[in-house]
Amino acid sequence: MAGDVSVTVRAGASAEELYALVSDVERMGEWSPENVGGRWLGGATGPAVGARFSGANRRGWRRWSTTCTVTAAEAGRKFAFDVAFTAIPVSRWTYEFHPDGDATVVTESWTDRRPAWFVLMTKPTMGVGDVRAHNEDNIRKTLANLAAAAERRS
């Protein structure tokens, strides 16, 4: 497996504001370089443990969607979800928020949950050889965009 990745930034906004942005899955495409948004499934209208959403992604000409299940929804503290492609576990994404004076320390983490045989298919199907490095770069970009958006609102 490619291993886990965590990146931390300090954003000049409250933990509650940052949580509200991250947990609004329909808007994730505004800060992510790969995700283009999501939509709640099965009657869900917002973040709650067990709620499901579909995430839409693109990289160049490649486009794909995943089904995500919320595993943590603690306003201002933590938002996390598991990602699956069909019934295959892919990853867990976690956002944690820690107030720090007039700002918030935000950590975004990716945990690889792919079975070994699925890992072997990643480069030919997704066009990414080093998923860990790729996701670390995307997380850095996402957090920078998220912090900038939150700071503009504050």
C-alpha atoms as a PDB file:
ATOM      1  CA  MET A   1       0.000   0.000   0.000  1.00  0.00           C
ATOM      2  CA  ALA A   2       1.073   3.541  -0.655  1.00  0.00           C
ATOM      3  CA  GLY A   3       0.846   4.625   2.985  1.00  0.00           C
ATOM      4  CA  ASP A   4      -0.870   7.455   4.760  1.00  0.00           C
ATOM      5  CA  VAL A   5      -0.474  11.176   4.181  1.00  0.00           C
ATOM      6  CA  SER A   6      -1.202  14.099   6.507  1.00  0.00           C
ATOM      7  CA  VAL A   7      -0.688  17.797   5.848  1.00  0.00           C
ATOM      8  CA  THR A   8      -1.329  20.602   8.327  1.00  0.00           C
ATOM      9  CA  VAL A   9      -1.866  24.335   7.748  1.00  0.00           C
ATOM     10  CA  ARG A  10      -2.854  27.264   9.908  1.00  0.00           C
ATOM     11  CA  ALA A  11      -5.847  29.190   8.547  1.00  0.00           C
ATOM     12  CA  GLY A  12      -7.077  32.578   9.695  1.00  0.00           C
ATOM     13  CA  ALA A  13     -10.667  31.463  10.270  1.00  0.00           C
ATOM     14  CA  SER A  14     -12.636  29.692  12.985  1.00  0.00           C
ATOM     15  CA  ALA A  15     -12.804  25.924  13.232  1.00  0.00           C
ATOM     16  CA  GLU A  16     -16.556  26.137  12.718  1.00  0.00           C
ATOM     17  CA  GLU A  17     -16.170  28.122   9.470  1.00  0.00           C
ATOM     18  CA  LEU A  18     -13.579  25.711   8.108  1.00  0.00           C
ATOM     19  CA  TYR A  19     -15.644  22.678   9.086  1.00  0.00           C
ATOM     20  CA  ALA A  20     -18.694  24.164   7.334  1.00  0.00           C
ATOM     21  CA  LEU A  21     -16.697  24.591   4.121  1.00  0.00           C
ATOM     22  CA  VAL A  22     -15.125  21.124   4.145  1.00  0.00           C
ATOM     23  CA  SER A  23     -18.299  19.275   5.092  1.00  0.00           C
ATOM     24  CA  ASP A  24     -20.262  20.949   2.278  1.00  0.00           C
ATOM     25  CA  VAL A  25     -19.389  18.196  -0.203  1.00  0.00           C
ATOM     26  CA  GLU A  26     -21.131  20.007  -3.046  1.00  0.00           C
ATOM     27  CA  ARG A  27     -18.515  22.781  -2.795  1.00  0.00           C
ATOM     28  CA  MET A  28     -15.346  20.666  -2.422  1.00  0.00           C
ATOM     29  CA  GLY A  29     -14.507  21.272  -6.081  1.00  0.00           C
ATOM     30  CA  GLU A  30     -13.894  24.929  -5.231  1.00  0.00           C
ATOM     31  CA  TRP A  31     -10.687  24.038  -3.356  1.00  0.00           C
ATOM     32  CA  SER A  32      -9.648  20.598  -4.562  1.00  0.00           C
ATOM     33  CA  PRO A  33      -7.522  20.237  -7.719  1.00  0.00           C
ATOM     34  CA  GLU A  34      -9.088  16.828  -8.441  1.00  0.00           C
ATOM     35  CA  ASN A  35     -12.563  16.678  -6.898  1.00  0.00           C
ATOM     36  CA  VAL A  36     -15.208  18.600  -8.799  1.00  0.00           C
ATOM     37  CA  GLY A  37     -17.934  18.296  -6.187  1.00  0.00           C
ATOM     38  CA  GLY A  38     -20.331  15.868  -4.660  1.00  0.00           C
ATOM     39  CA  ARG A  39     -23.982  15.252  -4.002  1.00  0.00           C
ATOM     40  CA  TRP A  40     -25.711  13.755  -1.022  1.00  0.00           C
ATOM     41  CA  LEU A  41     -27.367  10.353  -1.540  1.00  0.00           C
ATOM     42  CA  GLY A  42     -30.323   8.521  -0.041  1.00  0.00           C
ATOM     43  CA  GLY A  43     -32.115  11.587   1.283  1.00  0.00           C
ATOM     44  CA  ALA A  44     -29.082  12.943   3.192  1.00  0.00           C
ATOM     45  CA  THR A  45     -28.839  16.729   3.137  1.00  0.00           C
ATOM     46  CA  GLY A  46     -25.677  17.311   5.122  1.00  0.00           C
ATOM     47  CA  PRO A  47     -22.924  15.759   7.175  1.00  0.00           C
ATOM     48  CA  ALA A  48     -23.959  13.079   9.663  1.00  0.00           C
ATOM     49  CA  VAL A  49     -22.319   9.791  10.569  1.00  0.00           C
ATOM     50  CA  GLY A  50     -23.603   7.189   8.112  1.00  0.00           C
ATOM     51  CA  ALA A  51     -24.708   9.735   5.490  1.00  0.00           C
ATOM     52  CA  ARG A  52     -23.556   8.900   1.995  1.00  0.00           C
ATOM     53  CA  PHE A  53     -22.533  11.066  -0.913  1.00  0.00           C
ATOM     54  CA  SER A  54     -21.215  10.646  -4.412  1.00  0.00           C
ATOM     55  CA  GLY A  55     -17.909  12.365  -5.155  1.00  0.00           C
ATOM     56  CA  ALA A  56     -17.073  13.410  -8.717  1.00  0.00           C
ATOM     57  CA  ASN A  57     -13.421  13.668  -9.727  1.00  0.00           C
ATOM     58  CA  ARG A  58     -11.315  14.491 -12.763  1.00  0.00           C
ATOM     59  CA  ARG A  59      -7.674  14.463 -13.764  1.00  0.00           C
ATOM     60  CA  GLY A  60      -7.055  15.510 -17.347  1.00  0.00           C
ATOM     61  CA  TRP A  61      -9.318  13.436 -19.564  1.00  0.00           C
ATOM     62  CA  ARG A  62      -9.987  10.890 -16.802  1.00  0.00           C
ATOM     63  CA  ARG A  63     -13.261  11.207 -14.898  1.00  0.00           C
ATOM     64  CA  TRP A  64     -14.646   8.974 -12.165  1.00  0.00           C
ATOM     65  CA  SER A  65     -17.032   8.949  -9.255  1.00  0.00           C
ATOM     66  CA  THR A  66     -16.926   7.277  -5.880  1.00  0.00           C
ATOM     67  CA  THR A  67     -19.377   6.544  -3.113  1.00  0.00           C
ATOM     68  CA  CYS A  68     -18.429   8.022   0.246  1.00  0.00           C
ATOM     69  CA  THR A  69     -19.776   7.307   3.718  1.00  0.00           C
ATOM     70  CA  VAL A  70     -19.366   9.851   6.510  1.00  0.00           C
ATOM     71  CA  THR A  71     -17.565   8.332   9.507  1.00  0.00           C
ATOM     72  CA  ALA A  72     -17.162  11.498  11.635  1.00  0.00           C
ATOM     73  CA  ALA A  73     -19.212  14.692  11.648  1.00  0.00           C
ATOM     74  CA  GLU A  74     -18.258  16.757  14.684  1.00  0.00           C
ATOM     75  CA  ALA A  75     -18.883  20.420  13.841  1.00  0.00           C
ATOM     76  CA  GLY A  76     -15.732  22.472  14.296  1.00  0.00           C
ATOM     77  CA  ARG A  77     -13.673  19.409  15.246  1.00  0.00           C
ATOM     78  CA  LYS A  78     -13.623  16.594  12.703  1.00  0.00           C
ATOM     79  CA  PHE A  79     -15.086  15.541   9.372  1.00  0.00           C
ATOM     80  CA  ALA A  80     -14.153  12.164   7.883  1.00  0.00           C
ATOM     81  CA  PHE A  81     -15.430   9.794   5.249  1.00  0.00           C
ATOM     82  CA  ASP A  82     -14.605   6.452   3.697  1.00  0.00           C
ATOM     83  CA  VAL A  83     -14.375   6.205  -0.084  1.00  0.00           C
ATOM     84  CA  ALA A  84     -15.333   3.175  -2.144  1.00  0.00           C
ATOM     85  CA  PHE A  85     -15.315   2.451  -5.850  1.00  0.00           C
ATOM     86  CA  THR A  86     -18.258   0.116  -6.367  1.00  0.00           C
ATOM     87  CA  ALA A  87     -17.845  -2.117  -3.292  1.00  0.00           C
ATOM     88  CA  ILE A  88     -14.041  -1.809  -3.147  1.00  0.00           C
ATOM     89  CA  PRO A  89     -12.633   0.224  -0.241  1.00  0.00           C
ATOM     90  CA  VAL A  90     -10.313   2.913  -1.562  1.00  0.00           C
ATOM     91  CA  SER A  91      -9.443   5.414   1.149  1.00  0.00           C
ATOM     92  CA  ARG A  92     -10.405   7.384   4.216  1.00  0.00           C
ATOM     93  CA  TRP A  93     -10.205  11.189   4.195  1.00  0.00           C
ATOM     94  CA  THR A  94     -10.113  13.038   7.515  1.00  0.00           C
ATOM     95  CA  TYR A  95     -10.151  16.745   8.342  1.00  0.00           C
ATOM     96  CA  GLU A  96      -9.352  17.818  11.902  1.00  0.00           C
ATOM     97  CA  PHE A  97      -9.671  21.349  13.261  1.00  0.00           C
ATOM     98  CA  HIS A  98      -7.862  22.754  16.317  1.00  0.00           C
ATOM     99  CA  PRO A  99      -8.384  26.396  17.355  1.00  0.00           C
ATOM    100  CA  ASP A 100      -5.094  28.285  17.682  1.00  0.00           C
ATOM    101  CA  GLY A 101      -5.608  31.837  18.926  1.00  0.00           C
ATOM    102  CA  ASP A 102      -7.401  33.784  16.210  1.00  0.00           C
ATOM    103  CA  ALA A 103      -6.825  30.991  13.683  1.00  0.00           C
ATOM    104  CA  THR A 104      -7.310  27.250  13.291  1.00  0.00           C
ATOM    105  CA  VAL A 105      -4.841  24.475  12.615  1.00  0.00           C
ATOM    106  CA  VAL A 106      -6.345  22.199   9.959  1.00  0.00           C
ATOM    107  CA  THR A 107      -5.009  18.725   9.225  1.00  0.00           C
ATOM    108  CA  GLU A 108      -6.165  16.792   6.180  1.00  0.00           C
ATOM    109  CA  SER A 109      -5.254  13.104   6.100  1.00  0.00           C
ATOM    110  CA  TRP A 110      -5.554  10.364   3.521  1.00  0.00           C
ATOM    111  CA  THR A 111      -5.463   6.700   4.507  1.00  0.00           C
ATOM    112  CA  ASP A 112      -4.989   4.133   1.761  1.00  0.00           C
ATOM    113  CA  ARG A 113      -7.537   1.325   2.069  1.00  0.00           C
ATOM    114  CA  ARG A 114      -7.083  -0.301  -1.358  1.00  0.00           C
ATOM    115  CA  PRO A 115      -6.547  -4.052  -1.575  1.00  0.00           C
ATOM    116  CA  ALA A 116      -3.125  -4.987  -3.030  1.00  0.00           C
ATOM    117  CA  TRP A 117      -4.585  -6.113  -6.357  1.00  0.00           C
ATOM    118  CA  PHE A 118      -6.367  -2.755  -6.735  1.00  0.00           C
ATOM    119  CA  VAL A 119      -3.113  -0.872  -6.064  1.00  0.00           C
ATOM    120  CA  LEU A 120      -1.584  -2.599  -9.103  1.00  0.00           C
ATOM    121  CA  MET A 121      -4.345  -1.152 -11.323  1.00  0.00           C
ATOM    122  CA  THR A 122      -3.830   2.436 -10.177  1.00  0.00           C
ATOM    123  CA  LYS A 123      -1.163   3.554 -12.641  1.00  0.00           C
ATOM    124  CA  PRO A 124      -2.768   2.174 -15.812  1.00  0.00           C
ATOM    125  CA  THR A 125      -6.299   3.281 -14.902  1.00  0.00           C
ATOM    126  CA  MET A 126      -5.697   6.499 -12.975  1.00  0.00           C
ATOM    127  CA  GLY A 127      -2.475   7.666 -14.592  1.00  0.00           C
ATOM    128  CA  VAL A 128      -0.759   8.059 -11.208  1.00  0.00           C
ATOM    129  CA  GLY A 129       2.333   6.057 -10.311  1.00  0.00           C
ATOM    130  CA  ASP A 130       2.968   7.369  -6.794  1.00  0.00           C
ATOM    131  CA  VAL A 131      -0.464   7.848  -5.221  1.00  0.00           C
ATOM    132  CA  ARG A 132       1.005   8.943  -1.899  1.00  0.00           C
ATOM    133  CA  ALA A 133       3.039  11.801  -3.442  1.00  0.00           C
ATOM    134  CA  HIS A 134       0.142  12.711  -5.727  1.00  0.00           C
ATOM    135  CA  ASN A 135      -2.307  12.943  -2.829  1.00  0.00           C
ATOM    136  CA  GLU A 136       0.151  14.850  -0.649  1.00  0.00           C
ATOM    137  CA  ASP A 137       0.523  17.469  -3.393  1.00  0.00           C
ATOM    138  CA  ASN A 138      -3.258  17.660  -3.872  1.00  0.00           C
ATOM    139  CA  ILE A 139      -3.818  17.987  -0.120  1.00  0.00           C
ATOM    140  CA  ARG A 140      -1.366  20.902   0.053  1.00  0.00           C
ATOM    141  CA  LYS A 141      -3.229  22.642  -2.795  1.00  0.00           C
ATOM    142  CA  THR A 142      -6.633  21.882  -1.276  1.00  0.00           C
ATOM    143  CA  LEU A 143      -5.685  23.241   2.137  1.00  0.00           C
ATOM    144  CA  ALA A 144      -4.134  26.383   0.652  1.00  0.00           C
ATOM    145  CA  ASN A 145      -7.306  27.015  -1.368  1.00  0.00           C
ATOM    146  CA  LEU A 146      -9.522  26.234   1.626  1.00  0.00           C
ATOM    147  CA  ALA A 147      -7.574  28.599   3.897  1.00  0.00           C
ATOM    148  CA  ALA A 148      -7.714  31.380   1.301  1.00  0.00           C
ATOM    149  CA  ALA A 149     -11.476  30.936   0.822  1.00  0.00           C
ATOM    150  CA  ALA A 150     -12.115  30.904   4.578  1.00  0.00           C
ATOM    151  CA  GLU A 151      -9.909  33.936   5.194  1.00  0.00           C
ATOM    152  CA  ARG A 152     -11.772  35.902   2.496  1.00  0.00           C
ATOM    153  CA  ARG A 153     -15.058  35.115   4.281  1.00  0.00           C
ATOM    154  CA  SER A 154     -13.778  36.021   7.770  1.00  0.00           C
END
